[in-house]
Amino acid sequence: MSALEPLVIAALLVMAGATLLMRAGGFWVMGRVPLTPRVRRMLEAVPGSIVAAIVLPVVAKIGPAAALTVATAAAVMVLRRNEFLAVAAGIAMAILARSAGV
């Protein structure tokens, strides 16, 4: 099997083209949408929605240790507004939870 088979190259080019079209299409569409207060609120909620969509399945799969870790990092972030401290607290909680057998 060659590293550069024609079907592999074609698949990569199609995926790259689809990605480019989706990104460009998003900019094109948003250039035509009036930024009303409702649309602005929706766009402001997108980053949190993406984080939830990434983190919650991991928490569901791993269980209580991951839930404790995420809750600790979120609490530190809310209280201290420091990303580095929140990550450090999350890592520390993960270590403690795993050490305790959670």
PDB file of N, CA and C in Angstrom:
ATOM      1  N   MET A   1       0.844  -1.185   0.000  1.00  0.00           N
ATOM      2  CA  MET A   1       0.000   0.000   0.000  1.00  0.00           C
ATOM      3  C   MET A   1       0.882   1.238   0.000  1.00  0.00           C
ATOM      4  N   SER A   2       0.702   2.059  -0.980  1.00  0.00           N
ATOM      5  CA  SER A   2       1.473   3.287  -1.099  1.00  0.00           C
ATOM      6  C   SER A   2       0.930   4.343  -0.140  1.00  0.00           C
ATOM      7  N   ALA A   3       1.825   5.180   0.379  1.00  0.00           N
ATOM      8  CA  ALA A   3       1.422   6.226   1.316  1.00  0.00           C
ATOM      9  C   ALA A   3       0.560   7.288   0.637  1.00  0.00           C
ATOM     10  N   LEU A   4       0.714   7.427  -0.668  1.00  0.00           N
ATOM     11  CA  LEU A   4      -0.023   8.470  -1.385  1.00  0.00           C
ATOM     12  C   LEU A   4      -0.953   7.864  -2.439  1.00  0.00           C
ATOM     13  N   GLU A   5      -1.824   7.001  -2.000  1.00  0.00           N
ATOM     14  CA  GLU A   5      -2.787   6.412  -2.921  1.00  0.00           C
ATOM     15  C   GLU A   5      -3.737   7.491  -3.435  1.00  0.00           C
ATOM     16  N   PRO A   6      -4.167   7.372  -4.681  1.00  0.00           N
ATOM     17  CA  PRO A   6      -5.056   8.391  -5.255  1.00  0.00           C
ATOM     18  C   PRO A   6      -6.350   8.593  -4.475  1.00  0.00           C
ATOM     19  N   LEU A   7      -6.927   7.518  -3.939  1.00  0.00           N
ATOM     20  CA  LEU A   7      -8.170   7.678  -3.174  1.00  0.00           C
ATOM     21  C   LEU A   7      -7.937   8.433  -1.867  1.00  0.00           C
ATOM     22  N   VAL A   8      -6.792   8.216  -1.239  1.00  0.00           N
ATOM     23  CA  VAL A   8      -6.468   8.934  -0.005  1.00  0.00           C
ATOM     24  C   VAL A   8      -6.306  10.418  -0.308  1.00  0.00           C
ATOM     25  N   ILE A   9      -5.592  10.719  -1.365  1.00  0.00           N
ATOM     26  CA  ILE A   9      -5.396  12.119  -1.754  1.00  0.00           C
ATOM     27  C   ILE A   9      -6.736  12.762  -2.102  1.00  0.00           C
ATOM     28  N   ALA A  10      -7.570  12.044  -2.843  1.00  0.00           N
ATOM     29  CA  ALA A  10      -8.885  12.581  -3.204  1.00  0.00           C
ATOM     30  C   ALA A  10      -9.730  12.837  -1.969  1.00  0.00           C
ATOM     31  N   ALA A  11      -9.718  11.897  -1.018  1.00  0.00           N
ATOM     32  CA  ALA A  11     -10.493  12.072   0.213  1.00  0.00           C
ATOM     33  C   ALA A  11     -10.004  13.292   0.987  1.00  0.00           C
ATOM     34  N   LEU A  12      -8.696  13.464   1.081  1.00  0.00           N
ATOM     35  CA  LEU A  12      -8.136  14.627   1.787  1.00  0.00           C
ATOM     36  C   LEU A  12      -8.530  15.927   1.096  1.00  0.00           C
ATOM     37  N   LEU A  13      -8.471  15.943  -0.216  1.00  0.00           N
ATOM     38  CA  LEU A  13      -8.839  17.157  -0.947  1.00  0.00           C
ATOM     39  C   LEU A  13     -10.324  17.482  -0.789  1.00  0.00           C
ATOM     40  N   VAL A  14     -11.174  16.449  -0.807  1.00  0.00           N
ATOM     41  CA  VAL A  14     -12.608  16.683  -0.616  1.00  0.00           C
ATOM     42  C   VAL A  14     -12.872  17.221   0.788  1.00  0.00           C
ATOM     43  N   MET A  15     -12.229  16.637   1.796  1.00  0.00           N
ATOM     44  CA  MET A  15     -12.433  17.116   3.170  1.00  0.00           C
ATOM     45  C   MET A  15     -11.913  18.541   3.341  1.00  0.00           C
ATOM     46  N   ALA A  16     -10.758  18.842   2.743  1.00  0.00           N
ATOM     47  CA  ALA A  16     -10.222  20.199   2.825  1.00  0.00           C
ATOM     48  C   ALA A  16     -11.156  21.187   2.132  1.00  0.00           C
ATOM     49  N   GLY A  17     -11.689  20.800   0.986  1.00  0.00           N
ATOM     50  CA  GLY A  17     -12.630  21.662   0.282  1.00  0.00           C
ATOM     51  C   GLY A  17     -13.910  21.891   1.074  1.00  0.00           C
ATOM     52  N   ALA A  18     -14.419  20.827   1.703  1.00  0.00           N
ATOM     53  CA  ALA A  18     -15.628  20.973   2.514  1.00  0.00           C
ATOM     54  C   ALA A  18     -15.377  21.896   3.705  1.00  0.00           C
ATOM     55  N   THR A  19     -14.216  21.752   4.323  1.00  0.00           N
ATOM     56  CA  THR A  19     -13.870  22.627   5.449  1.00  0.00           C
ATOM     57  C   THR A  19     -13.790  24.074   4.997  1.00  0.00           C
ATOM     58  N   LEU A  20     -13.135  24.312   3.885  1.00  0.00           N
ATOM     59  CA  LEU A  20     -13.013  25.669   3.357  1.00  0.00           C
ATOM     60  C   LEU A  20     -14.385  26.256   3.029  1.00  0.00           C
ATOM     61  N   LEU A  21     -15.243  25.460   2.382  1.00  0.00           N
ATOM     62  CA  LEU A  21     -16.580  25.945   2.046  1.00  0.00           C
ATOM     63  C   LEU A  21     -17.407  26.250   3.293  1.00  0.00           C
ATOM     64  N   MET A  22     -17.303  25.413   4.312  1.00  0.00           N
ATOM     65  CA  MET A  22     -18.063  25.654   5.544  1.00  0.00           C
ATOM     66  C   MET A  22     -17.583  26.943   6.231  1.00  0.00           C
ATOM     67  N   ARG A  23     -16.288  27.132   6.295  1.00  0.00           N
ATOM     68  CA  ARG A  23     -15.769  28.351   6.931  1.00  0.00           C
ATOM     69  C   ARG A  23     -16.139  29.591   6.130  1.00  0.00           C
ATOM     70  N   ALA A  24     -15.888  29.542   4.843  1.00  0.00           N
ATOM     71  CA  ALA A  24     -16.212  30.690   4.003  1.00  0.00           C
ATOM     72  C   ALA A  24     -17.717  30.938   3.990  1.00  0.00           C
ATOM     73  N   GLY A  25     -18.491  29.867   3.945  1.00  0.00           N
ATOM     74  CA  GLY A  25     -19.946  30.006   3.968  1.00  0.00           C
ATOM     75  C   GLY A  25     -20.433  30.643   5.257  1.00  0.00           C
ATOM     76  N   GLY A  26     -19.813  30.299   6.369  1.00  0.00           N
ATOM     77  CA  GLY A  26     -20.183  30.914   7.648  1.00  0.00           C
ATOM     78  C   GLY A  26     -19.932  32.411   7.648  1.00  0.00           C
ATOM     79  N   PHE A  27     -18.775  32.818   7.128  1.00  0.00           N
ATOM     80  CA  PHE A  27     -18.486  34.252   7.046  1.00  0.00           C
ATOM     81  C   PHE A  27     -19.457  34.939   6.085  1.00  0.00           C
ATOM     82  N   TRP A  28     -19.752  34.280   4.970  1.00  0.00           N
ATOM     83  CA  TRP A  28     -20.671  34.859   3.985  1.00  0.00           C
ATOM     84  C   TRP A  28     -22.067  35.038   4.581  1.00  0.00           C
ATOM     85  N   VAL A  29     -22.559  34.008   5.259  1.00  0.00           N
ATOM     86  CA  VAL A  29     -23.894  34.092   5.868  1.00  0.00           C
ATOM     87  C   VAL A  29     -23.925  35.165   6.946  1.00  0.00           C
ATOM     88  N   MET A  30     -22.934  35.194   7.821  1.00  0.00           N
ATOM     89  CA  MET A  30     -22.934  36.166   8.920  1.00  0.00           C
ATOM     90  C   MET A  30     -22.747  37.590   8.408  1.00  0.00           C
ATOM     91  N   GLY A  31     -22.202  37.738   7.220  1.00  0.00           N
ATOM     92  CA  GLY A  31     -22.097  39.065   6.614  1.00  0.00           C
ATOM     93  C   GLY A  31     -23.451  39.596   6.173  1.00  0.00           C
ATOM     94  N   ARG A  32     -24.442  38.718   6.097  1.00  0.00           N
ATOM     95  CA  ARG A  32     -25.771  39.113   5.656  1.00  0.00           C
ATOM     96  C   ARG A  32     -26.813  39.058   6.755  1.00  0.00           C
ATOM     97  N   VAL A  33     -26.419  38.660   7.957  1.00  0.00           N
ATOM     98  CA  VAL A  33     -27.351  38.568   9.090  1.00  0.00           C
ATOM     99  C   VAL A  33     -27.220  39.835   9.923  1.00  0.00           C
ATOM    100  N   PRO A  34     -28.306  40.551  10.146  1.00  0.00           N
ATOM    101  CA  PRO A  34     -28.212  41.738  11.006  1.00  0.00           C
ATOM    102  C   PRO A  34     -27.940  41.314  12.458  1.00  0.00           C
ATOM    103  N   LEU A  35     -27.011  42.007  13.090  1.00  0.00           N
ATOM    104  CA  LEU A  35     -26.643  41.666  14.467  1.00  0.00           C
ATOM    105  C   LEU A  35     -27.627  42.299  15.451  1.00  0.00           C
ATOM    106  N   THR A  36     -28.754  41.673  15.579  1.00  0.00           N
ATOM    107  CA  THR A  36     -29.752  42.108  16.554  1.00  0.00           C
ATOM    108  C   THR A  36     -29.307  41.650  17.937  1.00  0.00           C
ATOM    109  N   PRO A  37     -29.886  42.173  18.991  1.00  0.00           N
ATOM    110  CA  PRO A  37     -29.519  41.713  20.334  1.00  0.00           C
ATOM    111  C   PRO A  37     -29.695  40.196  20.508  1.00  0.00           C
ATOM    112  N   ARG A  38     -30.728  39.635  19.883  1.00  0.00           N
ATOM    113  CA  ARG A  38     -30.958  38.187  19.994  1.00  0.00           C
ATOM    114  C   ARG A  38     -29.831  37.392  19.325  1.00  0.00           C
ATOM    115  N   VAL A  39     -29.419  37.806  18.133  1.00  0.00           N
ATOM    116  CA  VAL A  39     -28.334  37.122  17.424  1.00  0.00           C
ATOM    117  C   VAL A  39     -27.036  37.284  18.191  1.00  0.00           C
ATOM    118  N   ARG A  40     -26.801  38.466  18.731  1.00  0.00           N
ATOM    119  CA  ARG A  40     -25.583  38.709  19.508  1.00  0.00           C
ATOM    120  C   ARG A  40     -25.530  37.785  20.729  1.00  0.00           C
ATOM    121  N   ARG A  41     -26.656  37.620  21.442  1.00  0.00           N
ATOM    122  CA  ARG A  41     -26.700  36.715  22.605  1.00  0.00           C
ATOM    123  C   ARG A  41     -26.425  35.280  22.180  1.00  0.00           C
ATOM    124  N   MET A  42     -26.987  34.882  21.033  1.00  0.00           N
ATOM    125  CA  MET A  42     -26.756  33.533  20.534  1.00  0.00           C
ATOM    126  C   MET A  42     -25.272  33.309  20.242  1.00  0.00           C
ATOM    127  N   LEU A  43     -24.648  34.256  19.578  1.00  0.00           N
ATOM    128  CA  LEU A  43     -23.230  34.124  19.251  1.00  0.00           C
ATOM    129  C   LEU A  43     -22.358  34.134  20.499  1.00  0.00           C
ATOM    130  N   GLU A  44     -22.752  34.873  21.511  1.00  0.00           N
ATOM    131  CA  GLU A  44     -21.984  34.890  22.757  1.00  0.00           C
ATOM    132  C   GLU A  44     -22.090  33.563  23.504  1.00  0.00           C
ATOM    133  N   ALA A  45     -23.170  32.809  23.269  1.00  0.00           N
ATOM    134  CA  ALA A  45     -23.360  31.529  23.941  1.00  0.00           C
ATOM    135  C   ALA A  45     -22.624  30.381  23.249  1.00  0.00           C
ATOM    136  N   VAL A  46     -22.180  30.574  22.027  1.00  0.00           N
ATOM    137  CA  VAL A  46     -21.566  29.486  21.264  1.00  0.00           C
ATOM    138  C   VAL A  46     -20.311  28.908  21.936  1.00  0.00           C
ATOM    139  N   PRO A  47     -19.354  29.707  22.423  1.00  0.00           N
ATOM    140  CA  PRO A  47     -18.167  29.091  23.027  1.00  0.00           C
ATOM    141  C   PRO A  47     -18.509  28.177  24.211  1.00  0.00           C
ATOM    142  N   GLY A  48     -19.420  28.590  25.066  1.00  0.00           N
ATOM    143  CA  GLY A  48     -19.817  27.742  26.186  1.00  0.00           C
ATOM    144  C   GLY A  48     -20.492  26.467  25.722  1.00  0.00           C
ATOM    145  N   SER A  49     -21.262  26.559  24.665  1.00  0.00           N
ATOM    146  CA  SER A  49     -21.925  25.384  24.113  1.00  0.00           C
ATOM    147  C   SER A  49     -20.908  24.395  23.560  1.00  0.00           C
ATOM    148  N   ILE A  50     -19.875  24.911  22.922  1.00  0.00           N
ATOM    149  CA  ILE A  50     -18.836  24.043  22.373  1.00  0.00           C
ATOM    150  C   ILE A  50     -18.087  23.344  23.503  1.00  0.00           C
ATOM    151  N   VAL A  51     -17.742  24.084  24.554  1.00  0.00           N
ATOM    152  CA  VAL A  51     -17.061  23.479  25.702  1.00  0.00           C
ATOM    153  C   VAL A  51     -17.932  22.383  26.317  1.00  0.00           C
ATOM    154  N   ALA A  52     -19.211  22.672  26.496  1.00  0.00           N
ATOM    155  CA  ALA A  52     -20.115  21.664  27.069  1.00  0.00           C
ATOM    156  C   ALA A  52     -20.200  20.438  26.168  1.00  0.00           C
ATOM    157  N   ALA A  53     -20.264  20.638  24.858  1.00  0.00           N
ATOM    158  CA  ALA A  53     -20.359  19.517  23.928  1.00  0.00           C
ATOM    159  C   ALA A  53     -19.106  18.658  23.933  1.00  0.00           C
ATOM    160  N   ILE A  54     -17.976  19.244  24.274  1.00  0.00           N
ATOM    161  CA  ILE A  54     -16.729  18.484  24.331  1.00  0.00           C
ATOM    162  C   ILE A  54     -16.541  17.834  25.696  1.00  0.00           C
ATOM    163  N   VAL A  55     -16.833  18.563  26.766  1.00  0.00           N
ATOM    164  CA  VAL A  55     -16.531  18.095  28.121  1.00  0.00           C
ATOM    165  C   VAL A  55     -17.559  17.098  28.638  1.00  0.00           C
ATOM    166  N   LEU A  56     -18.837  17.323  28.426  1.00  0.00           N
ATOM    167  CA  LEU A  56     -19.860  16.468  29.031  1.00  0.00           C
ATOM    168  C   LEU A  56     -19.791  15.007  28.592  1.00  0.00           C
ATOM    169  N   PRO A  57     -19.533  14.688  27.326  1.00  0.00           N
ATOM    170  CA  PRO A  57     -19.378  13.266  26.987  1.00  0.00           C
ATOM    171  C   PRO A  57     -18.188  12.609  27.693  1.00  0.00           C
ATOM    172  N   VAL A  58     -17.114  13.361  27.882  1.00  0.00           N
ATOM    173  CA  VAL A  58     -15.952  12.823  28.595  1.00  0.00           C
ATOM    174  C   VAL A  58     -16.317  12.548  30.046  1.00  0.00           C
ATOM    175  N   VAL A  59     -17.022  13.493  30.673  1.00  0.00           N
ATOM    176  CA  VAL A  59     -17.457  13.308  32.061  1.00  0.00           C
ATOM    177  C   VAL A  59     -18.383  12.097  32.159  1.00  0.00           C
ATOM    178  N   ALA A  60     -19.291  11.952  31.203  1.00  0.00           N
ATOM    179  CA  ALA A  60     -20.224  10.822  31.227  1.00  0.00           C
ATOM    180  C   ALA A  60     -19.489   9.494  31.065  1.00  0.00           C
ATOM    181  N   LYS A  61     -18.448   9.479  30.255  1.00  0.00           N
ATOM    182  CA  LYS A  61     -17.710   8.243  30.010  1.00  0.00           C
ATOM    183  C   LYS A  61     -16.796   7.886  31.184  1.00  0.00           C
ATOM    184  N   ILE A  62     -16.092   8.883  31.723  1.00  0.00           N
ATOM    185  CA  ILE A  62     -15.103   8.604  32.778  1.00  0.00           C
ATOM    186  C   ILE A  62     -15.769   8.485  34.135  1.00  0.00           C
ATOM    187  N   GLY A  63     -16.756   9.325  34.405  1.00  0.00           N
ATOM    188  CA  GLY A  63     -17.501   9.193  35.650  1.00  0.00           C
ATOM    189  C   GLY A  63     -17.160  10.241  36.703  1.00  0.00           C
ATOM    190  N   PRO A  64     -17.281   9.850  37.975  1.00  0.00           N
ATOM    191  CA  PRO A  64     -17.157  10.810  39.084  1.00  0.00           C
ATOM    192  C   PRO A  64     -15.824  11.543  39.143  1.00  0.00           C
ATOM    193  N   ALA A  65     -14.733  10.886  38.801  1.00  0.00           N
ATOM    194  CA  ALA A  65     -13.427  11.561  38.853  1.00  0.00           C
ATOM    195  C   ALA A  65     -13.402  12.741  37.880  1.00  0.00           C
ATOM    196  N   ALA A  66     -13.918  12.525  36.688  1.00  0.00           N
ATOM    197  CA  ALA A  66     -13.951  13.613  35.706  1.00  0.00           C
ATOM    198  C   ALA A  66     -14.921  14.703  36.139  1.00  0.00           C
ATOM    199  N   ALA A  67     -16.051  14.312  36.725  1.00  0.00           N
ATOM    200  CA  ALA A  67     -17.022  15.306  37.195  1.00  0.00           C
ATOM    201  C   ALA A  67     -16.418  16.176  38.284  1.00  0.00           C
ATOM    202  N   LEU A  68     -15.705  15.565  39.223  1.00  0.00           N
ATOM    203  CA  LEU A  68     -15.037  16.337  40.278  1.00  0.00           C
ATOM    204  C   LEU A  68     -13.982  17.274  39.693  1.00  0.00           C
ATOM    205  N   THR A  69     -13.244  16.778  38.728  1.00  0.00           N
ATOM    206  CA  THR A  69     -12.194  17.580  38.104  1.00  0.00           C
ATOM    207  C   THR A  69     -12.779  18.798  37.392  1.00  0.00           C
ATOM    208  N   VAL A  70     -13.816  18.581  36.598  1.00  0.00           N
ATOM    209  CA  VAL A  70     -14.442  19.684  35.862  1.00  0.00           C
ATOM    210  C   VAL A  70     -15.093  20.671  36.813  1.00  0.00           C
ATOM    211  N   ALA A  71     -15.777  20.157  37.846  1.00  0.00           N
ATOM    212  CA  ALA A  71     -16.429  21.038  38.819  1.00  0.00           C
ATOM    213  C   ALA A  71     -15.400  21.883  39.564  1.00  0.00           C
ATOM    214  N   THR A  72     -14.277  21.280  39.913  1.00  0.00           N
ATOM    215  CA  THR A  72     -13.220  22.026  40.611  1.00  0.00           C
ATOM    216  C   THR A  72     -12.649  23.121  39.726  1.00  0.00           C
ATOM    217  N   ALA A  73     -12.330  22.778  38.485  1.00  0.00           N
ATOM    218  CA  ALA A  73     -11.780  23.778  37.564  1.00  0.00           C
ATOM    219  C   ALA A  73     -12.781  24.896  37.312  1.00  0.00           C
ATOM    220  N   ALA A  74     -14.047  24.546  37.156  1.00  0.00           N
ATOM    221  CA  ALA A  74     -15.079  25.564  36.917  1.00  0.00           C
ATOM    222  C   ALA A  74     -15.238  26.473  38.132  1.00  0.00           C
ATOM    223  N   ALA A  75     -15.237  25.897  39.325  1.00  0.00           N
ATOM    224  CA  ALA A  75     -15.386  26.701  40.539  1.00  0.00           C
ATOM    225  C   ALA A  75     -14.216  27.663  40.706  1.00  0.00           C
ATOM    226  N   VAL A  76     -13.005  27.175  40.470  1.00  0.00           N
ATOM    227  CA  VAL A  76     -11.825  28.049  40.589  1.00  0.00           C
ATOM    228  C   VAL A  76     -11.887  29.152  39.535  1.00  0.00           C
ATOM    229  N   MET A  77     -12.350  28.812  38.351  1.00  0.00           N
ATOM    230  CA  MET A  77     -12.452  29.828  37.293  1.00  0.00           C
ATOM    231  C   MET A  77     -13.469  30.893  37.657  1.00  0.00           C
ATOM    232  N   VAL A  78     -14.590  30.490  38.221  1.00  0.00           N
ATOM    233  CA  VAL A  78     -15.625  31.459  38.620  1.00  0.00           C
ATOM    234  C   VAL A  78     -15.117  32.338  39.764  1.00  0.00           C
ATOM    235  N   LEU A  79     -14.450  31.723  40.719  1.00  0.00           N
ATOM    236  CA  LEU A  79     -14.011  32.468  41.902  1.00  0.00           C
ATOM    237  C   LEU A  79     -12.785  33.332  41.651  1.00  0.00           C
ATOM    238  N   ARG A  80     -11.829  32.825  40.878  1.00  0.00           N
ATOM    239  CA  ARG A  80     -10.553  33.530  40.730  1.00  0.00           C
ATOM    240  C   ARG A  80     -10.331  34.145  39.346  1.00  0.00           C
ATOM    241  N   ARG A  81     -11.079  33.720  38.340  1.00  0.00           N
ATOM    242  CA  ARG A  81     -10.929  34.228  36.968  1.00  0.00           C
ATOM    243  C   ARG A  81      -9.486  34.099  36.468  1.00  0.00           C
ATOM    244  N   ASN A  82      -8.893  32.931  36.724  1.00  0.00           N
ATOM    245  CA  ASN A  82      -7.511  32.683  36.337  1.00  0.00           C
ATOM    246  C   ASN A  82      -7.451  31.298  35.690  1.00  0.00           C
ATOM    247  N   GLU A  83      -7.240  31.250  34.371  1.00  0.00           N
ATOM    248  CA  GLU A  83      -7.248  29.988  33.645  1.00  0.00           C
ATOM    249  C   GLU A  83      -6.153  29.043  34.135  1.00  0.00           C
ATOM    250  N   PHE A  84      -4.957  29.579  34.367  1.00  0.00           N
ATOM    251  CA  PHE A  84      -3.847  28.742  34.808  1.00  0.00           C
ATOM    252  C   PHE A  84      -4.161  28.095  36.156  1.00  0.00           C
ATOM    253  N   LEU A  85      -4.693  28.879  37.073  1.00  0.00           N
ATOM    254  CA  LEU A  85      -5.049  28.351  38.387  1.00  0.00           C
ATOM    255  C   LEU A  85      -6.175  27.322  38.281  1.00  0.00           C
ATOM    256  N   ALA A  86      -7.137  27.558  37.401  1.00  0.00           N
ATOM    257  CA  ALA A  86      -8.242  26.614  37.218  1.00  0.00           C
ATOM    258  C   ALA A  86      -7.732  25.286  36.665  1.00  0.00           C
ATOM    259  N   VAL A  87      -6.833  25.339  35.692  1.00  0.00           N
ATOM    260  CA  VAL A  87      -6.266  24.103  35.143  1.00  0.00           C
ATOM    261  C   VAL A  87      -5.450  23.378  36.212  1.00  0.00           C
ATOM    262  N   ALA A  88      -4.641  24.111  36.966  1.00  0.00           N
ATOM    263  CA  ALA A  88      -3.844  23.497  38.028  1.00  0.00           C
ATOM    264  C   ALA A  88      -4.739  22.845  39.081  1.00  0.00           C
ATOM    265  N   ALA A  89      -5.809  23.510  39.467  1.00  0.00           N
ATOM    266  CA  ALA A  89      -6.739  22.938  40.446  1.00  0.00           C
ATOM    267  C   ALA A  89      -7.430  21.704  39.873  1.00  0.00           C
ATOM    268  N   GLY A  90      -7.796  21.738  38.607  1.00  0.00           N
ATOM    269  CA  GLY A  90      -8.407  20.579  37.968  1.00  0.00           C
ATOM    270  C   GLY A  90      -7.472  19.389  37.930  1.00  0.00           C
ATOM    271  N   ILE A  91      -6.214  19.637  37.583  1.00  0.00           N
ATOM    272  CA  ILE A  91      -5.220  18.560  37.564  1.00  0.00           C
ATOM    273  C   ILE A  91      -5.017  17.991  38.958  1.00  0.00           C
ATOM    274  N   ALA A  92      -4.919  18.880  39.946  1.00  0.00           N
ATOM    275  CA  ALA A  92      -4.752  18.422  41.334  1.00  0.00           C
ATOM    276  C   ALA A  92      -5.939  17.572  41.771  1.00  0.00           C
ATOM    277  N   MET A  93      -7.144  17.983  41.412  1.00  0.00           N
ATOM    278  CA  MET A  93      -8.329  17.202  41.776  1.00  0.00           C
ATOM    279  C   MET A  93      -8.336  15.856  41.073  1.00  0.00           C
ATOM    280  N   ALA A  94      -7.917  15.819  39.815  1.00  0.00           N
ATOM    281  CA  ALA A  94      -7.853  14.550  39.094  1.00  0.00           C
ATOM    282  C   ALA A  94      -6.878  13.596  39.773  1.00  0.00           C
ATOM    283  N   ILE A  95      -5.734  14.120  40.185  1.00  0.00           N
ATOM    284  CA  ILE A  95      -4.747  13.295  40.880  1.00  0.00           C
ATOM    285  C   ILE A  95      -5.314  12.791  42.203  1.00  0.00           C
ATOM    286  N   LEU A  96      -5.938  13.691  42.960  1.00  0.00           N
ATOM    287  CA  LEU A  96      -6.524  13.285  44.262  1.00  0.00           C
ATOM    288  C   LEU A  96      -7.640  12.264  44.067  1.00  0.00           C
ATOM    289  N   ALA A  97      -8.501  12.493  43.090  1.00  0.00           N
ATOM    290  CA  ALA A  97      -9.619  11.576  42.864  1.00  0.00           C
ATOM    291  C   ALA A  97      -9.115  10.203  42.447  1.00  0.00           C
ATOM    292  N   ARG A  98      -8.163  10.153  41.568  1.00  0.00           N
ATOM    293  CA  ARG A  98      -7.610   8.863  41.129  1.00  0.00           C
ATOM    294  C   ARG A  98      -6.851   8.166  42.257  1.00  0.00           C
ATOM    295  N   SER A  99      -6.146   8.958  43.070  1.00  0.00           N
ATOM    296  CA  SER A  99      -5.425   8.392  44.211  1.00  0.00           C
ATOM    297  C   SER A  99      -6.387   7.803  45.237  1.00  0.00           C
ATOM    298  N   ALA A 100      -7.554   8.414  45.370  1.00  0.00           N
ATOM    299  CA  ALA A 100      -8.564   7.950  46.325  1.00  0.00           C
ATOM    300  C   ALA A 100      -9.383   6.800  45.738  1.00  0.00           C
ATOM    301  N   GLY A 101      -9.131   6.451  44.490  1.00  0.00           N
ATOM    302  CA  GLY A 101      -9.853   5.348  43.873  1.00  0.00           C
ATOM    303  C   GLY A 101     -11.190   5.704  43.288  1.00  0.00           C
ATOM    304  N   VAL A 102     -11.441   6.990  43.097  1.00  0.00           N
ATOM    305  CA  VAL A 102     -12.726   7.420  42.518  1.00  0.00           C
ATOM    306  C   VAL A 102     -12.728   7.188  41.044  1.00  0.00           C
TER     307      VAL A 102
END
